[in-house]
Amino acid sequence: MSGSVVLLNLAGAVALLLFATRLVKTGVERAYGDVLRRRLRGTMDRPLPAVLAGGALAIALQSSTAVTLLVASFAGAGIVSGIAGQLAVRGAEVGSALVVKLLSFDLSLLVPVCLVAGTTMFMATERRDWRQIGRILIGVALLLLSLEMVGQATEPLKGSAALPAVVGYFAGDPFTAYLLAAFVTWLFQSSIAAILLLMTLAGRGVVPSELAVVLVLGVNLGSSLIAPLLTRAAAPAVRAVPIGNLMMRGAGSLIMLALYLGFHPPLGWLGASVVDQIVHTHILFNVVVLLAGVPISRPLYRASEAIVAMTTAPAEPQALESAELSALDEKALDKPSLALANATREVVRICETIEIMLKTVMELYETPDEARIKALAALDDRVDRRHAAIKLYLARVNQHALSESEALRCQELIGACVKLEQVGDIIVRNMLVHVRKKMERNLSFTDAGWAELCAFHQSVLANARLAFNVLVSRDAATARQLVQEKDRLRDVERQSSASHFSRLGEGTARSVETSSIHLDTIRDLKQINSLLAEMAYPVLEEHGLLRGSRLQSA
């Protein structure tokens, strides 16, 4: 087999490995993301629970980077302290290493089982939670299948005449190998994927154990670089946690590399096979970094804050007020197709603002803050200004000769603007009132009630993104899914109300105190969802998928 074919097969196997890892992560986030976030926030007030919560979340998401970004956002919002956040991230690194240990076992029988079960669950129902579980199972199957493909693709390399020279070069230049492993991990955006690839190559005899240990340390360096680079434009409070993790793991990997190259300790105690040695080296490194980081967590976090402060340019006064750029080009009015494209761009900007408002308002329910409440109200003013400008612009477009499709698109954009403006009004005039009431009376929801609100809100937020996609893509399948979600949420609302009244009947004090806020919030979110779902009607009507006011059966 030629070298180009071997590399092509290997590239395809690695691509499937990365896709499968992303598929599992996405499924877990969509199915359980909100629950995992709330659990993480609720257990990060003490060091040990923070470490355990970070590890558990990394195992669930199969990504320590995702946990790092999540914890960094919590620290930036003041929900958790930076020190607790760094400990949670260290726990996440250990959890990520344990995932690799689990995947090192022979799980080949799980491939057909997960494929059959996952495909059945994904295709046999429209329920979002079951479909996401199906997605997770398919991802696990593809992950295991990709490892087999990597092994098969690298089998011809064992007989390659060039391989000993390449391996010998990197064995003689361990620092270059260390940096190469870090770069590949950053490229993969996943330490799990990088370690799994290394395990498969070593298991096929491509990588010797001495070089494998060096590469494991390089993988850990590369893994710690991902989050700081992804948050480089974020607020300083957000950047401090990833920078602190980079300082600890980066310095730790360099120290471990120097000790290993200086003393050449025997590797037999790490495991009988090269694969076991790789897995156990990865786990051992992260456990050592965790334990070493506990006593120095406070000064380390202060050092990370100082580094962030030194690398953050002071904001200039005039930069604090960002100009509101507009896509509504007056010169394009005599070209309706171009003008409508400009109007679409501007409506998309309103969509982005509405999404920010919808995400922020639920955060304010949990951690109300007067400054953020005022900032959210200011966003509604921006929506109103853009709404007025778009309506005036489209009215002037209508004065020109339009084709039938252009006239329909013009009306569709005007209708979308009106609905988005109404959504903004509901958030500011209704939901912010509930936030203030909860804040002024120092009320708190029951755990069950808050979980219901968060789940309902996440569904509405997901539907909002569907609606925004429909506005741009005009895809009939997405539009149909959006309207089906509207019907599903109606049932969810009834179940939530029944559960709430059941808690009231039991005399739960917090349920009684927050009853009106709970019910009004559900009502507001349902109204928002209905407005967003109506944005799909023009697309469905165009494809003949509406019958009166109801969806036709498929």
Protein backbone atom coordinates (compact mmCIF):
# COMPACT_ATOMS: atom_id res chain seq x y z
CA MET A 1 0.00 0.00 0.00
CA SER A 2 1.41 3.43 -1.00
CA GLY A 3 2.25 6.03 1.62
CA SER A 4 -0.37 8.46 0.34
CA VAL A 5 -3.14 5.87 0.77
CA VAL A 6 -1.95 5.10 4.31
CA LEU A 7 -1.99 8.80 5.22
CA LEU A 8 -5.43 9.25 3.63
CA ASN A 9 -6.86 6.34 5.65
CA LEU A 10 -5.24 7.68 8.81
CA ALA A 11 -6.59 11.19 8.15
CA GLY A 12 -10.11 9.79 7.67
CA ALA A 13 -9.88 7.79 10.91
CA VAL A 14 -8.64 10.82 12.86
CA ALA A 15 -11.40 12.97 11.36
CA LEU A 16 -14.00 10.42 12.52
CA LEU A 17 -12.38 10.37 15.97
CA LEU A 18 -12.68 14.17 16.28
CA PHE A 19 -16.24 14.17 14.95
CA ALA A 20 -17.32 11.41 17.34
CA THR A 21 -15.80 13.21 20.33
CA ARG A 22 -17.65 16.37 19.33
CA LEU A 23 -20.89 14.42 18.78
CA VAL A 24 -20.85 12.97 22.31
CA LYS A 25 -20.02 16.34 23.83
CA THR A 26 -22.81 18.08 21.91
CA GLY A 27 -25.36 15.43 22.87
CA VAL A 28 -24.52 15.66 26.56
CA GLU A 29 -24.61 19.46 26.51
CA ARG A 30 -28.01 19.55 24.81
CA ALA A 31 -29.55 16.82 26.96
CA TYR A 32 -28.08 17.59 30.36
CA GLY A 33 -26.13 20.84 29.97
CA ASP A 34 -28.37 22.99 32.11
CA VAL A 35 -28.59 20.41 34.92
CA LEU A 36 -24.80 19.94 34.90
CA ARG A 37 -24.21 23.68 35.03
CA ARG A 38 -26.53 24.11 38.01
CA ARG A 39 -24.95 21.20 39.84
CA LEU A 40 -21.50 22.64 39.20
CA ARG A 41 -22.48 26.08 40.50
CA GLY A 42 -24.07 24.54 43.58
CA THR A 43 -21.00 22.52 44.63
CA MET A 44 -18.12 24.92 44.03
CA ASP A 45 -18.12 26.75 47.35
CA ARG A 46 -15.54 24.35 48.91
CA PRO A 47 -12.28 22.94 47.44
CA LEU A 48 -13.06 19.21 47.50
CA PRO A 49 -16.59 19.50 46.05
CA ALA A 50 -15.19 21.86 43.38
CA VAL A 51 -12.58 19.27 42.36
CA LEU A 52 -15.12 16.43 42.32
CA ALA A 53 -17.70 18.49 40.40
CA GLY A 54 -15.13 19.49 37.78
CA GLY A 55 -14.03 15.87 37.35
CA ALA A 56 -17.59 14.57 37.05
CA LEU A 57 -18.51 17.25 34.51
CA ALA A 58 -15.43 16.48 32.40
CA ILE A 59 -16.36 12.78 32.35
CA ALA A 60 -19.90 13.68 31.25
CA LEU A 61 -18.84 16.18 28.57
CA GLN A 62 -15.68 14.26 27.56
CA SER A 63 -13.87 17.58 27.48
CA SER A 64 -11.84 19.35 30.14
CA THR A 65 -11.70 22.39 27.85
CA ALA A 66 -15.49 22.71 27.92
CA VAL A 67 -15.39 22.64 31.73
CA THR A 68 -12.61 25.24 31.78
CA LEU A 69 -14.60 27.61 29.57
CA LEU A 70 -17.75 27.04 31.65
CA VAL A 71 -15.98 27.62 34.97
CA ALA A 72 -14.22 30.68 33.55
CA SER A 73 -17.59 32.17 32.60
CA PHE A 74 -18.86 31.50 36.15
CA ALA A 75 -15.80 33.22 37.60
CA GLY A 76 -16.25 36.16 35.23
CA ALA A 77 -19.87 36.57 36.35
CA GLY A 78 -18.89 36.38 40.02
CA ILE A 79 -20.85 33.15 40.57
CA VAL A 80 -17.77 31.30 41.85
CA SER A 81 -14.41 32.46 43.15
CA GLY A 82 -11.40 32.24 40.89
CA ILE A 83 -9.59 29.91 43.30
CA ALA A 84 -12.49 27.47 43.42
CA GLY A 85 -12.71 27.73 39.64
CA GLN A 86 -9.08 26.73 39.21
CA LEU A 87 -9.53 23.74 41.50
CA ALA A 88 -12.58 22.67 39.50
CA VAL A 89 -10.54 22.87 36.29
CA ARG A 90 -7.79 20.68 37.82
CA GLY A 91 -10.46 18.16 38.76
CA ALA A 92 -11.74 18.32 35.19
CA GLU A 93 -8.29 17.43 33.85
CA VAL A 94 -8.22 14.32 36.08
CA GLY A 95 -11.76 13.45 34.96
CA SER A 96 -10.72 13.77 31.33
CA ALA A 97 -7.77 11.42 31.97
CA LEU A 98 -10.14 8.87 33.54
CA VAL A 99 -12.25 8.94 30.37
CA VAL A 100 -9.14 7.85 28.45
CA LYS A 101 -8.65 4.99 30.92
CA LEU A 102 -12.22 3.83 30.35
CA LEU A 103 -11.78 3.92 26.57
CA SER A 104 -8.56 1.95 26.80
CA PHE A 105 -10.51 -1.25 27.54
CA ASP A 106 -11.78 -3.53 24.78
CA LEU A 107 -15.24 -2.11 24.12
CA SER A 108 -15.64 -3.34 20.55
CA LEU A 109 -18.91 -5.13 21.37
CA LEU A 110 -20.43 -1.79 22.29
CA VAL A 111 -20.13 -0.52 18.70
CA PRO A 112 -23.10 -2.41 17.18
CA VAL A 113 -25.13 -2.12 20.41
CA CYS A 114 -24.70 1.66 20.60
CA LEU A 115 -25.31 2.11 16.87
CA VAL A 116 -28.57 0.16 16.92
CA ALA A 117 -29.84 1.71 20.15
CA GLY A 118 -28.72 5.23 19.27
CA THR A 119 -30.14 5.20 15.74
CA THR A 120 -33.44 3.78 16.98
CA MET A 121 -33.78 6.43 19.69
CA PHE A 122 -32.79 9.25 17.34
CA MET A 123 -35.14 8.30 14.50
CA ALA A 124 -38.11 6.78 16.30
CA THR A 125 -39.15 9.81 18.33
CA GLU A 126 -39.31 13.60 18.16
CA ARG A 127 -38.64 14.03 21.88
CA ARG A 128 -35.53 16.16 22.24
CA ASP A 129 -34.14 14.38 25.31
CA TRP A 130 -34.39 10.92 23.73
CA ARG A 131 -32.90 12.15 20.47
CA GLN A 132 -29.91 13.60 22.32
CA ILE A 133 -29.36 10.32 24.18
CA GLY A 134 -29.43 8.62 20.78
CA ARG A 135 -26.86 11.15 19.55
CA ILE A 136 -24.61 10.32 22.52
CA LEU A 137 -24.80 6.57 21.86
CA ILE A 138 -24.04 7.03 18.16
CA GLY A 139 -21.08 9.23 19.11
CA VAL A 140 -19.70 6.59 21.49
CA ALA A 141 -20.02 3.94 18.77
CA LEU A 142 -18.27 6.12 16.19
CA LEU A 143 -15.55 6.94 18.71
CA LEU A 144 -14.78 3.27 19.29
CA LEU A 145 -15.04 2.55 15.57
CA SER A 146 -12.60 5.35 14.77
CA LEU A 147 -10.01 3.83 17.11
CA GLU A 148 -10.26 0.55 15.21
CA MET A 149 -9.87 2.47 11.94
CA VAL A 150 -6.77 4.26 13.26
CA GLY A 151 -5.26 0.89 14.17
CA GLN A 152 -6.02 -0.58 10.75
CA ALA A 153 -4.69 2.52 8.97
CA THR A 154 -1.40 2.41 10.85
CA GLU A 155 -0.83 -1.35 10.41
CA PRO A 156 1.18 -0.88 7.17
CA LEU A 157 3.46 1.62 8.94
CA LYS A 158 5.07 -1.15 11.00
CA GLY A 159 6.79 -2.44 7.86
CA SER A 160 7.78 1.00 6.62
CA ALA A 161 11.48 1.58 6.04
CA ALA A 162 11.14 5.29 6.81
CA LEU A 163 9.35 4.84 10.15
CA PRO A 164 12.41 3.88 12.26
CA ALA A 165 14.23 6.97 10.98
CA VAL A 166 11.31 9.27 11.89
CA VAL A 167 10.82 7.70 15.32
CA GLY A 168 14.57 7.71 15.90
CA TYR A 169 14.74 11.42 15.09
CA PHE A 170 12.03 12.35 17.59
CA ALA A 171 13.48 9.98 20.18
CA GLY A 172 16.78 11.84 19.79
CA ASP A 173 15.09 15.25 19.94
CA PRO A 174 12.45 14.86 22.70
CA PHE A 175 11.79 18.59 23.06
CA THR A 176 10.71 18.83 19.42
CA ALA A 177 8.47 15.79 19.92
CA TYR A 178 7.04 17.45 23.04
CA LEU A 179 6.19 20.64 21.11
CA LEU A 180 4.77 18.65 18.18
CA ALA A 181 2.41 16.78 20.52
CA ALA A 182 1.30 20.11 22.03
CA PHE A 183 0.60 21.53 18.58
CA VAL A 184 -1.37 18.47 17.44
CA THR A 185 -3.48 18.61 20.62
CA TRP A 186 -4.22 22.28 20.07
CA LEU A 187 -5.12 21.44 16.47
CA PHE A 188 -7.47 18.67 17.64
CA GLN A 189 -8.93 20.93 20.37
CA SER A 190 -9.18 17.78 22.50
CA SER A 191 -6.66 16.06 24.77
CA ILE A 192 -8.85 12.95 24.81
CA ALA A 193 -8.65 12.62 21.03
CA ALA A 194 -4.88 13.21 21.06
CA ILE A 195 -4.22 10.62 23.79
CA LEU A 196 -6.49 8.06 22.12
CA LEU A 197 -4.61 8.50 18.84
CA LEU A 198 -1.29 8.14 20.64
CA MET A 199 -2.52 4.99 22.42
CA THR A 200 -3.60 3.41 19.15
CA LEU A 201 -0.29 4.21 17.44
CA ALA A 202 1.69 2.88 20.41
CA GLY A 203 -0.47 -0.25 20.58
CA ARG A 204 0.46 -0.99 16.96
CA GLY A 205 4.15 -0.66 17.74
CA VAL A 206 4.55 2.64 15.90
CA VAL A 207 5.58 4.68 18.99
CA PRO A 208 7.96 3.25 21.66
CA SER A 209 7.20 3.75 25.34
CA GLU A 210 10.10 6.17 26.04
CA LEU A 211 8.91 8.54 23.32
CA ALA A 212 5.26 8.02 24.26
CA VAL A 213 5.82 9.50 27.75
CA VAL A 214 7.31 12.64 26.21
CA LEU A 215 4.36 12.93 23.85
CA VAL A 216 1.88 12.56 26.74
CA LEU A 217 3.50 15.53 28.49
CA GLY A 218 3.28 17.49 25.24
CA VAL A 219 -0.42 16.63 24.93
CA ASN A 220 -1.03 18.08 28.39
CA LEU A 221 0.76 21.28 27.45
CA GLY A 222 -1.31 21.60 24.28
CA SER A 223 -4.52 20.90 26.18
CA SER A 224 -3.81 23.72 28.62
CA LEU A 225 -3.28 26.16 25.71
CA ILE A 226 -6.75 25.69 24.17
CA ALA A 227 -8.90 27.57 26.71
CA PRO A 228 -6.58 30.62 27.07
CA LEU A 229 -6.54 31.05 23.28
CA LEU A 230 -10.33 30.68 23.03
CA THR A 231 -10.86 33.30 25.78
CA ARG A 232 -8.16 35.74 24.69
CA ALA A 233 -10.77 38.38 23.82
CA ALA A 234 -12.93 37.79 26.91
CA ALA A 235 -13.18 39.94 30.03
CA PRO A 236 -10.16 39.82 32.41
CA ALA A 237 -12.14 37.97 35.11
CA VAL A 238 -12.93 35.23 32.59
CA ARG A 239 -9.35 34.89 31.35
CA ALA A 240 -7.75 34.46 34.79
CA VAL A 241 -8.87 30.84 35.35
CA PRO A 242 -7.59 29.46 31.99
CA ILE A 243 -4.32 31.41 32.38
CA GLY A 244 -3.83 29.96 35.87
CA ASN A 245 -4.42 26.46 34.54
CA LEU A 246 -1.90 27.06 31.74
CA MET A 247 0.70 28.27 34.25
CA MET A 248 0.26 25.21 36.47
CA ARG A 249 0.01 22.51 33.81
CA GLY A 250 2.49 24.16 31.42
CA ALA A 251 5.13 24.51 34.14
CA GLY A 252 4.26 21.05 35.44
CA SER A 253 4.74 19.42 32.05
CA LEU A 254 8.11 21.13 31.56
CA ILE A 255 9.30 20.10 35.03
CA MET A 256 8.12 16.52 34.47
CA LEU A 257 9.85 16.47 31.07
CA ALA A 258 13.12 17.68 32.59
CA LEU A 259 12.94 15.11 35.41
CA TYR A 260 12.12 12.30 33.01
CA LEU A 261 14.95 13.17 30.60
CA GLY A 262 17.38 13.71 33.47
CA PHE A 263 16.73 10.51 35.43
CA HIS A 264 15.21 8.12 32.81
CA PRO A 265 13.11 6.26 35.41
CA PRO A 266 11.92 2.71 34.55
CA LEU A 267 8.41 2.62 33.10
CA GLY A 268 7.49 -0.94 34.01
CA TRP A 269 5.70 0.15 37.19
CA LEU A 270 3.27 2.20 35.07
CA GLY A 271 2.00 -0.88 33.26
CA ALA A 272 3.01 -3.95 31.33
CA SER A 273 2.09 -2.55 27.90
CA VAL A 274 2.87 0.73 26.19
CA VAL A 275 -0.84 1.61 26.12
CA ASP A 276 -1.13 1.15 29.89
CA GLN A 277 1.98 3.27 30.42
CA ILE A 278 0.51 6.08 28.31
CA VAL A 279 -2.83 6.03 30.15
CA HIS A 280 -1.27 5.86 33.60
CA THR A 281 1.29 8.57 32.79
CA HIS A 282 -1.57 10.83 31.71
CA ILE A 283 -3.56 10.15 34.89
CA LEU A 284 -0.51 10.42 37.15
CA PHE A 285 0.55 13.74 35.67
CA ASN A 286 -2.86 15.33 36.22
CA VAL A 287 -3.21 13.93 39.74
CA VAL A 288 0.24 15.31 40.65
CA VAL A 289 -0.65 18.71 39.19
CA LEU A 290 -3.92 18.69 41.15
CA LEU A 291 -2.25 17.84 44.46
CA ALA A 292 0.63 20.25 43.92
CA GLY A 293 -1.77 23.02 42.98
CA VAL A 294 -3.95 22.88 46.11
CA PRO A 295 -1.48 24.55 48.55
CA ILE A 296 -0.44 27.22 46.04
CA SER A 297 -3.89 27.90 44.59
CA ARG A 298 -4.22 31.35 46.14
CA PRO A 299 -0.84 32.82 45.05
CA LEU A 300 -1.19 31.11 41.67
CA TYR A 301 -4.54 32.78 41.07
CA ARG A 302 -3.11 36.16 42.07
CA ALA A 303 -0.26 35.61 39.62
CA SER A 304 -2.73 34.73 36.84
CA GLU A 305 -4.71 37.91 37.60
CA ALA A 306 -1.49 39.94 37.40
CA ILE A 307 -0.61 38.39 34.02
CA VAL A 308 -4.09 39.11 32.69
CA ALA A 309 -3.85 42.70 33.92
CA MET A 310 -0.47 43.17 32.20
CA THR A 311 -1.77 41.79 28.89
CA THR A 312 -5.03 43.75 28.91
CA ALA A 313 -4.88 47.12 27.21
CA PRO A 314 -6.65 49.91 29.16
CA ALA A 315 -9.93 50.87 27.57
CA GLU A 316 -10.01 54.29 26.00
CA PRO A 317 -12.99 56.44 27.01
CA GLN A 318 -14.20 56.85 23.47
CA ALA A 319 -14.10 53.07 22.94
CA LEU A 320 -16.68 52.48 25.66
CA GLU A 321 -19.51 53.63 23.44
CA SER A 322 -19.62 51.36 20.43
CA ALA A 323 -21.10 52.77 17.26
CA GLU A 324 -24.20 51.02 15.96
CA LEU A 325 -23.25 50.18 12.41
CA SER A 326 -26.11 49.76 9.99
CA ALA A 327 -26.40 47.57 6.91
CA LEU A 328 -29.30 49.65 5.56
CA ASP A 329 -27.53 51.20 2.57
CA GLU A 330 -29.64 53.98 1.01
CA LYS A 331 -27.85 53.55 -2.33
CA ALA A 332 -29.25 50.01 -2.69
CA LEU A 333 -32.93 51.03 -2.54
CA ASP A 334 -33.29 50.93 -6.34
CA LYS A 335 -32.01 47.34 -6.35
CA PRO A 336 -34.65 45.42 -4.36
CA SER A 337 -32.73 42.14 -4.13
CA LEU A 338 -29.70 43.90 -2.68
CA ALA A 339 -31.84 46.07 -0.39
CA LEU A 340 -33.64 43.01 0.96
CA ALA A 341 -30.30 41.34 1.63
CA ASN A 342 -29.23 44.44 3.57
CA ALA A 343 -32.46 44.37 5.56
CA THR A 344 -31.94 40.68 6.31
CA ARG A 345 -28.49 41.44 7.71
CA GLU A 346 -30.00 44.07 9.97
CA VAL A 347 -32.76 41.74 11.17
CA VAL A 348 -30.10 39.13 11.99
CA ARG A 349 -28.46 41.72 14.23
CA ILE A 350 -31.73 42.11 16.09
CA CYS A 351 -31.85 38.32 16.41
CA GLU A 352 -28.40 38.35 18.01
CA THR A 353 -29.46 41.03 20.48
CA ILE A 354 -32.65 39.15 21.37
CA GLU A 355 -30.64 35.97 21.98
CA ILE A 356 -28.34 37.86 24.36
CA MET A 357 -31.37 39.32 26.17
CA LEU A 358 -33.05 35.93 26.44
CA LYS A 359 -29.92 34.30 27.86
CA THR A 360 -29.16 37.14 30.26
CA VAL A 361 -32.62 37.50 31.78
CA MET A 362 -32.57 33.95 33.18
CA GLU A 363 -29.14 34.55 34.70
CA LEU A 364 -30.60 37.60 36.44
CA TYR A 365 -33.33 35.45 37.98
CA GLU A 366 -30.60 33.52 39.79
CA THR A 367 -28.10 36.32 40.47
CA PRO A 368 -29.94 39.68 40.17
CA ASP A 369 -27.73 42.71 39.69
CA GLU A 370 -28.94 46.28 39.23
CA ALA A 371 -26.22 47.23 36.74
CA ARG A 372 -26.92 44.21 34.51
CA ILE A 373 -30.68 44.86 34.73
CA LYS A 374 -30.13 48.39 33.38
CA ALA A 375 -27.80 47.07 30.68
CA LEU A 376 -30.45 44.56 29.59
CA ALA A 377 -33.09 47.30 29.41
CA ALA A 378 -30.70 49.33 27.24
CA LEU A 379 -30.51 46.42 24.78
CA ASP A 380 -34.28 46.67 24.28
CA ASP A 381 -33.81 50.32 23.30
CA ARG A 382 -31.32 49.18 20.68
CA VAL A 383 -33.85 46.65 19.36
CA ASP A 384 -36.50 49.38 19.12
CA ARG A 385 -34.14 51.67 17.17
CA ARG A 386 -33.17 48.98 14.69
CA HIS A 387 -36.80 47.88 14.36
CA ALA A 388 -37.91 51.40 13.46
CA ALA A 389 -35.04 51.85 10.98
CA ILE A 390 -35.76 48.51 9.23
CA LYS A 391 -39.50 49.25 8.90
CA LEU A 392 -38.77 52.65 7.34
CA TYR A 393 -36.15 51.14 5.01
CA LEU A 394 -38.48 48.35 3.83
CA ALA A 395 -41.31 50.82 3.34
CA ARG A 396 -39.06 52.72 0.92
CA VAL A 397 -38.10 49.44 -0.79
CA ASN A 398 -41.81 48.78 -1.34
CA GLN A 399 -42.07 51.95 -3.41
CA HIS A 400 -40.05 50.24 -6.16
CA ALA A 401 -41.28 47.54 -8.52
CA LEU A 402 -40.89 44.20 -6.75
CA SER A 403 -41.33 40.67 -7.99
CA GLU A 404 -43.82 38.47 -6.16
CA SER A 405 -41.08 36.66 -4.22
CA GLU A 406 -39.41 39.97 -3.30
CA ALA A 407 -42.71 41.41 -2.05
CA LEU A 408 -43.32 38.30 0.07
CA ARG A 409 -39.79 38.47 1.48
CA CYS A 410 -40.31 42.13 2.33
CA GLN A 411 -43.47 41.34 4.27
CA GLU A 412 -41.75 38.40 5.96
CA LEU A 413 -38.92 40.63 7.21
CA ILE A 414 -41.35 43.26 8.47
CA GLY A 415 -43.32 40.56 10.31
CA ALA A 416 -40.14 39.12 11.82
CA CYS A 417 -39.11 42.60 13.02
CA VAL A 418 -42.45 43.15 14.72
CA LYS A 419 -42.27 39.79 16.50
CA LEU A 420 -38.68 40.32 17.62
CA GLU A 421 -39.59 43.75 19.00
CA GLN A 422 -42.48 42.17 20.91
CA VAL A 423 -40.13 39.54 22.34
CA GLY A 424 -37.82 42.30 23.58
CA ASP A 425 -40.75 44.06 25.22
CA ILE A 426 -41.82 40.88 27.03
CA ILE A 427 -38.31 40.35 28.37
CA VAL A 428 -37.94 43.93 29.63
CA ARG A 429 -41.49 44.87 30.63
CA ASN A 430 -42.53 41.54 32.09
CA MET A 431 -39.61 39.30 32.99
CA LEU A 432 -37.36 42.06 34.37
CA VAL A 433 -40.26 43.07 36.61
CA HIS A 434 -40.26 39.52 38.00
CA VAL A 435 -36.48 39.75 38.52
CA ARG A 436 -36.83 42.98 40.50
CA LYS A 437 -39.67 41.56 42.56
CA LYS A 438 -37.63 38.47 43.41
CA MET A 439 -34.60 40.62 44.26
CA GLU A 440 -36.47 43.17 46.41
CA ARG A 441 -38.32 40.50 48.40
CA ASN A 442 -35.27 38.22 48.64
CA LEU A 443 -37.26 35.26 47.32
CA SER A 444 -35.88 31.94 46.11
CA PHE A 445 -37.41 29.14 44.06
CA THR A 446 -37.56 25.54 45.19
CA ASP A 447 -35.00 23.27 43.54
CA ALA A 448 -37.74 21.52 41.57
CA GLY A 449 -39.36 24.80 40.52
CA TRP A 450 -36.08 26.35 39.42
CA ALA A 451 -35.18 23.21 37.47
CA GLU A 452 -38.52 23.40 35.63
CA LEU A 453 -37.99 27.08 34.78
CA CYS A 454 -34.45 26.46 33.54
CA ALA A 455 -35.52 23.51 31.39
CA PHE A 456 -38.40 25.51 29.89
CA HIS A 457 -36.10 28.47 29.26
CA GLN A 458 -33.48 26.27 27.56
CA SER A 459 -36.16 24.89 25.23
CA VAL A 460 -37.31 28.40 24.33
CA LEU A 461 -33.70 29.51 23.77
CA ALA A 462 -33.08 26.53 21.48
CA ASN A 463 -36.27 27.34 19.56
CA ALA A 464 -35.15 30.96 19.24
CA ARG A 465 -32.01 29.79 17.49
CA LEU A 466 -34.12 27.60 15.20
CA ALA A 467 -36.31 30.61 14.37
CA PHE A 468 -33.29 32.77 13.55
CA ASN A 469 -31.93 30.02 11.29
CA VAL A 470 -35.29 29.73 9.52
CA LEU A 471 -35.30 33.48 8.89
CA VAL A 472 -32.00 33.22 7.01
CA SER A 473 -32.10 29.74 5.46
CA ARG A 474 -35.89 29.49 4.87
CA ASP A 475 -35.49 25.72 5.30
CA ALA A 476 -38.87 23.95 5.40
CA ALA A 477 -37.70 21.07 7.62
CA THR A 478 -36.35 23.46 10.25
CA ALA A 479 -39.53 25.54 10.07
CA ARG A 480 -41.63 22.43 10.60
CA GLN A 481 -39.49 21.38 13.56
CA LEU A 482 -39.94 24.83 15.10
CA VAL A 483 -43.74 24.63 14.95
CA GLN A 484 -43.68 21.10 16.32
CA GLU A 485 -41.60 22.37 19.23
CA LYS A 486 -44.30 24.98 19.88
CA ASP A 487 -46.86 22.19 20.31
CA ARG A 488 -44.48 20.24 22.55
CA LEU A 489 -43.87 23.22 24.80
CA ARG A 490 -47.61 23.65 25.24
CA ASP A 491 -47.69 20.19 26.83
CA VAL A 492 -44.59 20.97 28.90
CA GLU A 493 -46.26 24.13 30.21
CA ARG A 494 -49.30 22.14 31.35
CA GLN A 495 -47.07 19.61 33.12
CA SER A 496 -45.05 22.38 34.77
CA SER A 497 -48.18 24.14 36.00
CA ALA A 498 -49.54 20.86 37.38
CA SER A 499 -46.27 20.18 39.21
CA HIS A 500 -46.24 23.71 40.59
CA PHE A 501 -49.79 23.48 41.93
CA SER A 502 -48.91 20.11 43.42
CA ARG A 503 -46.08 21.75 45.38
CA LEU A 504 -48.48 24.49 46.45
CA GLY A 505 -50.89 21.83 47.69
CA GLU A 506 -48.11 20.34 49.79
CA GLY A 507 -47.68 23.73 51.44
CA THR A 508 -44.05 24.27 50.43
CA ALA A 509 -43.25 27.74 51.76
CA ARG A 510 -40.95 28.76 48.92
CA SER A 511 -43.48 27.55 46.32
CA VAL A 512 -46.14 29.81 47.85
CA GLU A 513 -43.82 32.83 47.99
CA THR A 514 -42.66 32.50 44.37
CA SER A 515 -45.90 31.13 42.89
CA SER A 516 -46.88 34.20 40.86
CA ILE A 517 -43.32 34.75 39.59
CA HIS A 518 -43.05 31.10 38.52
CA LEU A 519 -46.37 31.03 36.67
CA ASP A 520 -45.89 34.46 35.08
CA THR A 521 -42.40 33.51 33.89
CA ILE A 522 -43.68 30.30 32.28
CA ARG A 523 -46.45 32.31 30.62
CA ASP A 524 -43.98 34.93 29.32
CA LEU A 525 -41.60 32.30 27.97
CA LYS A 526 -44.48 30.50 26.26
CA GLN A 527 -45.59 33.77 24.65
CA ILE A 528 -42.03 34.43 23.46
CA ASN A 529 -41.86 30.94 22.00
CA SER A 530 -45.17 31.43 20.17
CA LEU A 531 -43.97 34.69 18.62
CA LEU A 532 -40.75 33.05 17.46
CA ALA A 533 -42.61 30.03 16.04
CA GLU A 534 -44.77 32.34 13.95
CA MET A 535 -41.63 33.34 12.05
CA ALA A 536 -41.75 29.86 10.47
CA TYR A 537 -45.27 30.26 9.02
CA PRO A 538 -44.30 32.11 5.81
CA VAL A 539 -41.84 29.34 4.92
CA LEU A 540 -44.35 26.59 5.71
CA GLU A 541 -47.07 28.36 3.75
CA GLU A 542 -44.79 28.73 0.75
CA HIS A 543 -44.14 24.96 0.78
CA GLY A 544 -47.81 24.10 1.28
CA LEU A 545 -47.24 22.69 4.76
CA LEU A 546 -49.92 24.74 6.54
CA ARG A 547 -53.57 23.90 6.72
CA GLY A 548 -55.42 26.83 8.18
CA SER A 549 -53.54 27.56 11.38
CA ARG A 550 -52.25 24.03 11.88
CA LEU A 551 -49.46 21.92 10.42
CA GLN A 552 -50.45 19.36 7.85
CA SER A 553 -49.46 15.79 8.61
CA ALA A 554 -46.27 14.67 6.91
